[in-house]
Amino acid sequence: MDIRSLTPDYAVSPQIDLTDLAAIKEAGFVTVIDNRPDGEIPPHLHTAAMRAAAEAAGLTFVANPVIGGALTMANVQAQAATIAEATGPILAYCASGNRSSICWALSQAGTLPTDELIALPAKYGYNLEGLRQQIDVLARG
């Protein structure tokens, strides 16, 4: 498990396993966001299995599947709603953590400076520079 903290309350990770959920809970996370569509992963990691295991571990589980290269505003809005409603730290995962970083940055436009929304994921190799204009537009509302 490779947790990459973007803020004290939001981290991203490449694909997690069912066996990681207890450690995720122990690390202080309260919510897990799955940004990966079932079609990309083996059946034992599909949404239903992950939800059952996360909830059994005492975590809130939210499925917000983002198709690579086809992020929608509904995905961004769902991520924003989950972040706003969370009662503690969130771990979002996808294949590499990139889609989860993008959803976070776009959903937080206007709450942090654009430079920060791009720089925080960049610490982990996620290049969101191409989203600068979109973040700025979303920040203006």
N, C-alpha and C. Protein backbone atom coordinates (compact mmCIF):
# COMPACT_ATOMS: atom_id res chain seq x y z
N MET A 1 0.86 -1.18 0.00
CA MET A 1 0.00 0.00 0.00
C MET A 1 0.90 1.23 0.00
N ASP A 2 0.60 2.15 -0.89
CA ASP A 2 1.43 3.33 -1.09
C ASP A 2 0.56 4.58 -0.94
N ILE A 3 0.42 5.07 0.28
CA ILE A 3 -0.44 6.22 0.56
C ILE A 3 0.34 7.51 0.33
N ARG A 4 -0.27 8.41 -0.43
CA ARG A 4 0.36 9.68 -0.79
C ARG A 4 -0.54 10.82 -0.32
N SER A 5 -0.16 11.49 0.75
CA SER A 5 -0.98 12.54 1.35
C SER A 5 -0.88 13.84 0.56
N LEU A 6 -2.03 14.30 0.07
CA LEU A 6 -2.08 15.60 -0.61
C LEU A 6 -2.35 16.70 0.41
N THR A 7 -3.19 16.41 1.38
CA THR A 7 -3.47 17.31 2.50
C THR A 7 -3.59 16.42 3.74
N PRO A 8 -3.69 17.01 4.92
CA PRO A 8 -3.86 16.17 6.11
C PRO A 8 -5.14 15.32 6.08
N ASP A 9 -6.13 15.74 5.30
CA ASP A 9 -7.41 15.04 5.26
C ASP A 9 -7.69 14.31 3.96
N TYR A 10 -6.75 14.29 3.02
CA TYR A 10 -7.00 13.63 1.73
C TYR A 10 -5.71 13.04 1.21
N ALA A 11 -5.76 11.75 0.94
CA ALA A 11 -4.62 11.04 0.37
C ALA A 11 -5.09 10.20 -0.80
N VAL A 12 -4.15 9.87 -1.66
CA VAL A 12 -4.44 9.01 -2.81
C VAL A 12 -3.52 7.80 -2.76
N SER A 13 -3.92 6.80 -3.52
CA SER A 13 -3.14 5.57 -3.55
C SER A 13 -3.39 4.85 -4.86
N PRO A 14 -2.39 4.10 -5.33
CA PRO A 14 -2.69 3.14 -6.38
C PRO A 14 -3.65 2.08 -5.82
N GLN A 15 -4.11 1.20 -6.66
CA GLN A 15 -5.06 0.15 -6.27
C GLN A 15 -4.72 -0.46 -4.92
N ILE A 16 -5.70 -0.52 -4.05
CA ILE A 16 -5.53 -1.19 -2.77
C ILE A 16 -6.12 -2.59 -2.86
N ASP A 17 -5.81 -3.40 -1.86
CA ASP A 17 -6.31 -4.77 -1.79
C ASP A 17 -7.25 -4.87 -0.60
N LEU A 18 -8.08 -5.89 -0.61
CA LEU A 18 -8.98 -6.13 0.53
C LEU A 18 -8.20 -6.20 1.85
N THR A 19 -7.02 -6.77 1.79
CA THR A 19 -6.22 -6.94 3.00
C THR A 19 -5.63 -5.62 3.51
N ASP A 20 -5.69 -4.56 2.73
CA ASP A 20 -5.17 -3.25 3.15
C ASP A 20 -6.15 -2.46 4.02
N LEU A 21 -7.41 -2.85 4.00
CA LEU A 21 -8.43 -2.01 4.63
C LEU A 21 -8.27 -1.86 6.14
N ALA A 22 -7.87 -2.89 6.82
CA ALA A 22 -7.65 -2.76 8.27
C ALA A 22 -6.54 -1.76 8.57
N ALA A 23 -5.46 -1.81 7.79
CA ALA A 23 -4.35 -0.87 7.98
C ALA A 23 -4.77 0.56 7.61
N ILE A 24 -5.63 0.69 6.63
CA ILE A 24 -6.14 2.01 6.25
C ILE A 24 -6.95 2.59 7.41
N LYS A 25 -7.79 1.79 8.00
CA LYS A 25 -8.57 2.22 9.18
C LYS A 25 -7.63 2.57 10.33
N GLU A 26 -6.64 1.72 10.56
CA GLU A 26 -5.68 1.94 11.65
C GLU A 26 -4.88 3.22 11.43
N ALA A 27 -4.65 3.59 10.18
CA ALA A 27 -3.91 4.81 9.86
C ALA A 27 -4.74 6.06 10.09
N GLY A 28 -6.03 5.90 10.44
CA GLY A 28 -6.86 7.04 10.77
C GLY A 28 -7.84 7.48 9.70
N PHE A 29 -7.86 6.78 8.58
CA PHE A 29 -8.82 7.14 7.53
C PHE A 29 -10.22 6.69 7.95
N VAL A 30 -11.23 7.47 7.54
CA VAL A 30 -12.61 7.12 7.85
C VAL A 30 -13.42 6.82 6.59
N THR A 31 -12.95 7.34 5.46
CA THR A 31 -13.65 7.16 4.19
C THR A 31 -12.67 6.69 3.13
N VAL A 32 -13.15 5.77 2.30
CA VAL A 32 -12.38 5.29 1.15
C VAL A 32 -13.21 5.59 -0.10
N ILE A 33 -12.58 6.24 -1.08
CA ILE A 33 -13.22 6.51 -2.36
C ILE A 33 -12.57 5.63 -3.42
N ASP A 34 -13.38 4.85 -4.10
CA ASP A 34 -12.92 3.99 -5.19
C ASP A 34 -13.17 4.73 -6.50
N ASN A 35 -12.09 5.19 -7.14
CA ASN A 35 -12.20 5.90 -8.42
C ASN A 35 -11.92 4.98 -9.61
N ARG A 36 -12.02 3.68 -9.40
CA ARG A 36 -11.67 2.71 -10.44
C ARG A 36 -12.90 1.93 -10.90
N PRO A 37 -13.18 1.93 -12.20
CA PRO A 37 -14.30 1.12 -12.70
C PRO A 37 -14.00 -0.38 -12.57
N ASP A 38 -15.04 -1.17 -12.31
CA ASP A 38 -14.87 -2.61 -12.16
C ASP A 38 -14.26 -3.27 -13.40
N GLY A 39 -14.52 -2.72 -14.57
CA GLY A 39 -14.02 -3.31 -15.81
C GLY A 39 -12.50 -3.33 -15.93
N GLU A 40 -11.80 -2.59 -15.08
CA GLU A 40 -10.34 -2.51 -15.12
C GLU A 40 -9.64 -3.50 -14.19
N ILE A 41 -10.39 -4.13 -13.32
CA ILE A 41 -9.76 -4.87 -12.23
C ILE A 41 -10.33 -6.29 -12.10
N PRO A 42 -9.58 -7.16 -11.43
CA PRO A 42 -10.08 -8.52 -11.22
C PRO A 42 -11.33 -8.51 -10.32
N PRO A 43 -12.18 -9.51 -10.49
CA PRO A 43 -13.44 -9.55 -9.74
C PRO A 43 -13.29 -9.45 -8.22
N HIS A 44 -12.23 -9.98 -7.65
CA HIS A 44 -12.11 -9.92 -6.18
C HIS A 44 -11.88 -8.50 -5.66
N LEU A 45 -11.60 -7.54 -6.58
CA LEU A 45 -11.42 -6.15 -6.18
C LEU A 45 -12.56 -5.25 -6.66
N HIS A 46 -13.62 -5.84 -7.21
CA HIS A 46 -14.77 -5.07 -7.68
C HIS A 46 -15.43 -4.31 -6.53
N THR A 47 -16.22 -3.34 -6.89
CA THR A 47 -16.86 -2.44 -5.94
C THR A 47 -17.58 -3.18 -4.82
N ALA A 48 -18.38 -4.16 -5.13
CA ALA A 48 -19.17 -4.85 -4.11
C ALA A 48 -18.27 -5.50 -3.06
N ALA A 49 -17.21 -6.15 -3.50
CA ALA A 49 -16.28 -6.81 -2.57
C ALA A 49 -15.54 -5.78 -1.73
N MET A 50 -15.08 -4.71 -2.36
CA MET A 50 -14.36 -3.67 -1.63
C MET A 50 -15.28 -2.97 -0.63
N ARG A 51 -16.52 -2.70 -1.05
CA ARG A 51 -17.47 -2.04 -0.15
C ARG A 51 -17.72 -2.92 1.08
N ALA A 52 -17.97 -4.19 0.88
CA ALA A 52 -18.25 -5.09 1.99
C ALA A 52 -17.07 -5.14 2.96
N ALA A 53 -15.86 -5.26 2.42
CA ALA A 53 -14.67 -5.34 3.27
C ALA A 53 -14.40 -4.02 3.99
N ALA A 54 -14.59 -2.90 3.28
CA ALA A 54 -14.36 -1.58 3.90
C ALA A 54 -15.36 -1.35 5.03
N GLU A 55 -16.61 -1.64 4.77
CA GLU A 55 -17.63 -1.43 5.80
C GLU A 55 -17.41 -2.38 6.98
N ALA A 56 -16.97 -3.60 6.72
CA ALA A 56 -16.66 -4.53 7.81
C ALA A 56 -15.51 -4.01 8.66
N ALA A 57 -14.61 -3.23 8.05
CA ALA A 57 -13.48 -2.65 8.77
C ALA A 57 -13.86 -1.35 9.47
N GLY A 58 -15.11 -0.91 9.30
CA GLY A 58 -15.56 0.32 9.94
C GLY A 58 -15.32 1.58 9.14
N LEU A 59 -15.12 1.41 7.83
CA LEU A 59 -14.87 2.55 6.94
C LEU A 59 -16.12 2.88 6.13
N THR A 60 -16.29 4.15 5.80
CA THR A 60 -17.30 4.55 4.83
C THR A 60 -16.69 4.31 3.46
N PHE A 61 -17.45 3.73 2.55
CA PHE A 61 -16.95 3.41 1.21
C PHE A 61 -17.82 4.11 0.18
N VAL A 62 -17.17 4.82 -0.75
CA VAL A 62 -17.87 5.53 -1.81
C VAL A 62 -17.29 5.10 -3.15
N ALA A 63 -18.15 4.64 -4.04
CA ALA A 63 -17.73 4.29 -5.40
C ALA A 63 -17.98 5.49 -6.30
N ASN A 64 -16.93 5.97 -6.94
CA ASN A 64 -17.01 7.07 -7.89
C ASN A 64 -16.09 6.71 -9.06
N PRO A 65 -16.51 5.72 -9.88
CA PRO A 65 -15.63 5.23 -10.93
C PRO A 65 -15.37 6.27 -12.02
N VAL A 66 -14.09 6.47 -12.29
CA VAL A 66 -13.65 7.41 -13.32
C VAL A 66 -13.02 6.60 -14.45
N ILE A 67 -13.60 6.70 -15.61
CA ILE A 67 -13.04 6.02 -16.78
C ILE A 67 -11.85 6.83 -17.26
N GLY A 68 -10.70 6.17 -17.42
CA GLY A 68 -9.49 6.85 -17.87
C GLY A 68 -9.73 7.67 -19.13
N GLY A 69 -9.39 8.95 -19.06
CA GLY A 69 -9.56 9.84 -20.21
C GLY A 69 -10.99 10.31 -20.41
N ALA A 70 -11.89 9.94 -19.52
CA ALA A 70 -13.30 10.31 -19.69
C ALA A 70 -13.91 10.83 -18.38
N LEU A 71 -13.13 11.58 -17.62
CA LEU A 71 -13.61 12.19 -16.39
C LEU A 71 -14.79 13.10 -16.70
N THR A 72 -15.82 13.03 -15.86
CA THR A 72 -17.00 13.88 -16.06
C THR A 72 -17.16 14.85 -14.90
N MET A 73 -17.97 15.86 -15.10
CA MET A 73 -18.26 16.78 -13.99
C MET A 73 -19.04 16.06 -12.90
N ALA A 74 -19.80 15.03 -13.26
CA ALA A 74 -20.49 14.24 -12.23
C ALA A 74 -19.46 13.57 -11.32
N ASN A 75 -18.34 13.09 -11.89
CA ASN A 75 -17.27 12.51 -11.07
C ASN A 75 -16.70 13.57 -10.12
N VAL A 76 -16.44 14.75 -10.64
CA VAL A 76 -15.87 15.84 -9.84
C VAL A 76 -16.85 16.22 -8.72
N GLN A 77 -18.12 16.35 -9.06
CA GLN A 77 -19.12 16.73 -8.07
C GLN A 77 -19.29 15.65 -7.00
N ALA A 78 -19.23 14.38 -7.40
CA ALA A 78 -19.34 13.29 -6.43
C ALA A 78 -18.14 13.30 -5.47
N GLN A 79 -16.95 13.56 -6.02
CA GLN A 79 -15.75 13.62 -5.17
C GLN A 79 -15.89 14.79 -4.19
N ALA A 80 -16.33 15.94 -4.70
CA ALA A 80 -16.50 17.12 -3.84
C ALA A 80 -17.51 16.85 -2.73
N ALA A 81 -18.61 16.21 -3.06
CA ALA A 81 -19.64 15.92 -2.05
C ALA A 81 -19.09 14.97 -0.99
N THR A 82 -18.36 13.96 -1.42
CA THR A 82 -17.80 13.01 -0.46
C THR A 82 -16.80 13.70 0.46
N ILE A 83 -15.96 14.56 -0.11
CA ILE A 83 -14.98 15.30 0.69
C ILE A 83 -15.71 16.20 1.70
N ALA A 84 -16.73 16.89 1.24
CA ALA A 84 -17.47 17.81 2.12
C ALA A 84 -18.19 17.07 3.25
N GLU A 85 -18.66 15.86 2.98
CA GLU A 85 -19.45 15.11 3.96
C GLU A 85 -18.60 14.24 4.88
N ALA A 86 -17.34 14.05 4.56
CA ALA A 86 -16.49 13.14 5.35
C ALA A 86 -16.30 13.66 6.76
N THR A 87 -16.24 12.73 7.70
CA THR A 87 -16.06 13.09 9.10
C THR A 87 -14.62 12.94 9.55
N GLY A 88 -13.72 12.72 8.59
CA GLY A 88 -12.31 12.56 8.90
C GLY A 88 -11.53 12.32 7.61
N PRO A 89 -10.29 11.89 7.72
CA PRO A 89 -9.43 11.72 6.55
C PRO A 89 -9.96 10.71 5.53
N ILE A 90 -9.70 11.02 4.27
CA ILE A 90 -10.16 10.24 3.13
C ILE A 90 -8.96 9.65 2.40
N LEU A 91 -9.10 8.39 1.96
CA LEU A 91 -8.15 7.77 1.04
C LEU A 91 -8.90 7.45 -0.23
N ALA A 92 -8.45 8.03 -1.34
CA ALA A 92 -9.03 7.74 -2.65
C ALA A 92 -8.03 6.94 -3.45
N TYR A 93 -8.52 5.95 -4.19
CA TYR A 93 -7.61 5.12 -4.97
C TYR A 93 -8.13 4.90 -6.38
N CYS A 94 -7.18 4.63 -7.27
CA CYS A 94 -7.46 4.25 -8.65
C CYS A 94 -6.29 3.36 -9.07
N ALA A 95 -5.96 3.32 -10.34
CA ALA A 95 -4.85 2.46 -10.78
C ALA A 95 -3.51 2.95 -10.26
N SER A 96 -3.28 4.27 -10.36
CA SER A 96 -1.98 4.83 -9.96
C SER A 96 -2.09 5.92 -8.91
N GLY A 97 -3.30 6.45 -8.71
CA GLY A 97 -3.52 7.61 -7.85
C GLY A 97 -3.73 8.87 -8.65
N ASN A 98 -3.46 8.83 -9.95
CA ASN A 98 -3.57 10.02 -10.79
C ASN A 98 -5.02 10.50 -10.92
N ARG A 99 -5.94 9.60 -11.26
CA ARG A 99 -7.35 10.01 -11.40
C ARG A 99 -7.90 10.54 -10.08
N SER A 100 -7.51 9.92 -8.98
CA SER A 100 -7.95 10.40 -7.68
C SER A 100 -7.40 11.78 -7.38
N SER A 101 -6.18 12.06 -7.83
CA SER A 101 -5.57 13.39 -7.67
C SER A 101 -6.29 14.43 -8.53
N ILE A 102 -6.61 14.04 -9.75
CA ILE A 102 -7.32 14.94 -10.66
C ILE A 102 -8.70 15.28 -10.11
N CYS A 103 -9.44 14.26 -9.67
CA CYS A 103 -10.77 14.51 -9.09
C CYS A 103 -10.67 15.45 -7.90
N TRP A 104 -9.67 15.22 -7.06
CA TRP A 104 -9.48 16.09 -5.89
C TRP A 104 -9.20 17.53 -6.33
N ALA A 105 -8.24 17.72 -7.22
CA ALA A 105 -7.85 19.07 -7.63
C ALA A 105 -9.03 19.82 -8.24
N LEU A 106 -9.76 19.16 -9.13
CA LEU A 106 -10.89 19.83 -9.77
C LEU A 106 -12.01 20.10 -8.76
N SER A 107 -12.22 19.17 -7.84
CA SER A 107 -13.30 19.34 -6.86
C SER A 107 -12.97 20.43 -5.84
N GLN A 108 -11.69 20.73 -5.68
CA GLN A 108 -11.27 21.73 -4.69
C GLN A 108 -10.95 23.09 -5.31
N ALA A 109 -11.21 23.23 -6.60
CA ALA A 109 -10.96 24.51 -7.28
C ALA A 109 -11.69 25.63 -6.53
N GLY A 110 -10.95 26.67 -6.22
CA GLY A 110 -11.52 27.81 -5.51
C GLY A 110 -11.35 27.71 -4.00
N THR A 111 -11.03 26.53 -3.48
CA THR A 111 -10.82 26.39 -2.04
C THR A 111 -9.35 26.54 -1.68
N LEU A 112 -8.48 26.25 -2.63
CA LEU A 112 -7.04 26.42 -2.50
C LEU A 112 -6.55 27.09 -3.77
N PRO A 113 -5.42 27.79 -3.73
CA PRO A 113 -4.88 28.39 -4.95
C PRO A 113 -4.57 27.31 -6.00
N THR A 114 -4.77 27.64 -7.24
CA THR A 114 -4.51 26.70 -8.34
C THR A 114 -3.10 26.16 -8.28
N ASP A 115 -2.12 27.02 -8.00
CA ASP A 115 -0.73 26.56 -7.92
C ASP A 115 -0.58 25.43 -6.89
N GLU A 116 -1.29 25.54 -5.78
CA GLU A 116 -1.21 24.52 -4.73
C GLU A 116 -1.91 23.23 -5.17
N LEU A 117 -3.05 23.38 -5.85
CA LEU A 117 -3.78 22.20 -6.32
C LEU A 117 -2.97 21.40 -7.34
N ILE A 118 -2.07 22.08 -8.03
CA ILE A 118 -1.19 21.41 -8.99
C ILE A 118 0.08 20.91 -8.31
N ALA A 119 0.63 21.69 -7.39
CA ALA A 119 1.91 21.35 -6.76
C ALA A 119 1.81 20.17 -5.80
N LEU A 120 0.72 20.07 -5.05
CA LEU A 120 0.61 18.98 -4.07
C LEU A 120 0.66 17.60 -4.73
N PRO A 121 -0.12 17.34 -5.77
CA PRO A 121 0.00 16.05 -6.45
C PRO A 121 1.34 15.88 -7.17
N ALA A 122 1.93 16.98 -7.61
CA ALA A 122 3.22 16.90 -8.33
C ALA A 122 4.32 16.31 -7.45
N LYS A 123 4.21 16.44 -6.13
CA LYS A 123 5.20 15.86 -5.22
C LYS A 123 5.31 14.35 -5.42
N TYR A 124 4.24 13.75 -5.95
CA TYR A 124 4.20 12.30 -6.15
C TYR A 124 4.26 11.92 -7.62
N GLY A 125 4.59 12.88 -8.48
CA GLY A 125 4.74 12.59 -9.89
C GLY A 125 3.48 12.74 -10.71
N TYR A 126 2.41 13.26 -10.13
CA TYR A 126 1.17 13.47 -10.87
C TYR A 126 1.22 14.86 -11.50
N ASN A 127 1.25 14.92 -12.81
CA ASN A 127 1.37 16.19 -13.53
C ASN A 127 -0.02 16.70 -13.90
N LEU A 128 -0.51 17.67 -13.14
CA LEU A 128 -1.83 18.24 -13.38
C LEU A 128 -1.75 19.61 -14.05
N GLU A 129 -0.57 19.98 -14.51
CA GLU A 129 -0.38 21.29 -15.14
C GLU A 129 -1.36 21.52 -16.28
N GLY A 130 -1.68 20.49 -17.04
CA GLY A 130 -2.61 20.62 -18.16
C GLY A 130 -4.03 20.95 -17.72
N LEU A 131 -4.30 20.87 -16.44
CA LEU A 131 -5.63 21.20 -15.92
C LEU A 131 -5.72 22.62 -15.36
N ARG A 132 -4.62 23.36 -15.44
CA ARG A 132 -4.57 24.69 -14.82
C ARG A 132 -5.75 25.56 -15.26
N GLN A 133 -5.99 25.66 -16.55
CA GLN A 133 -7.06 26.52 -17.04
C GLN A 133 -8.43 26.03 -16.55
N GLN A 134 -8.64 24.72 -16.56
CA GLN A 134 -9.91 24.18 -16.09
C GLN A 134 -10.10 24.44 -14.59
N ILE A 135 -9.06 24.30 -13.82
CA ILE A 135 -9.14 24.59 -12.38
C ILE A 135 -9.49 26.06 -12.17
N ASP A 136 -8.82 26.95 -12.92
CA ASP A 136 -9.10 28.39 -12.81
C ASP A 136 -10.55 28.71 -13.16
N VAL A 137 -11.08 28.09 -14.21
CA VAL A 137 -12.46 28.32 -14.61
C VAL A 137 -13.41 27.84 -13.51
N LEU A 138 -13.16 26.66 -12.99
CA LEU A 138 -14.01 26.13 -11.91
C LEU A 138 -13.92 27.01 -10.67
N ALA A 139 -12.76 27.55 -10.39
CA ALA A 139 -12.57 28.40 -9.22
C ALA A 139 -13.40 29.68 -9.33
N ARG A 140 -13.58 30.16 -10.54
CA ARG A 140 -14.35 31.39 -10.76
C ARG A 140 -15.85 31.12 -10.67
N GLY A 141 -16.22 29.84 -10.71
CA GLY A 141 -17.64 29.46 -10.59
C GLY A 141 -18.39 29.73 -11.82
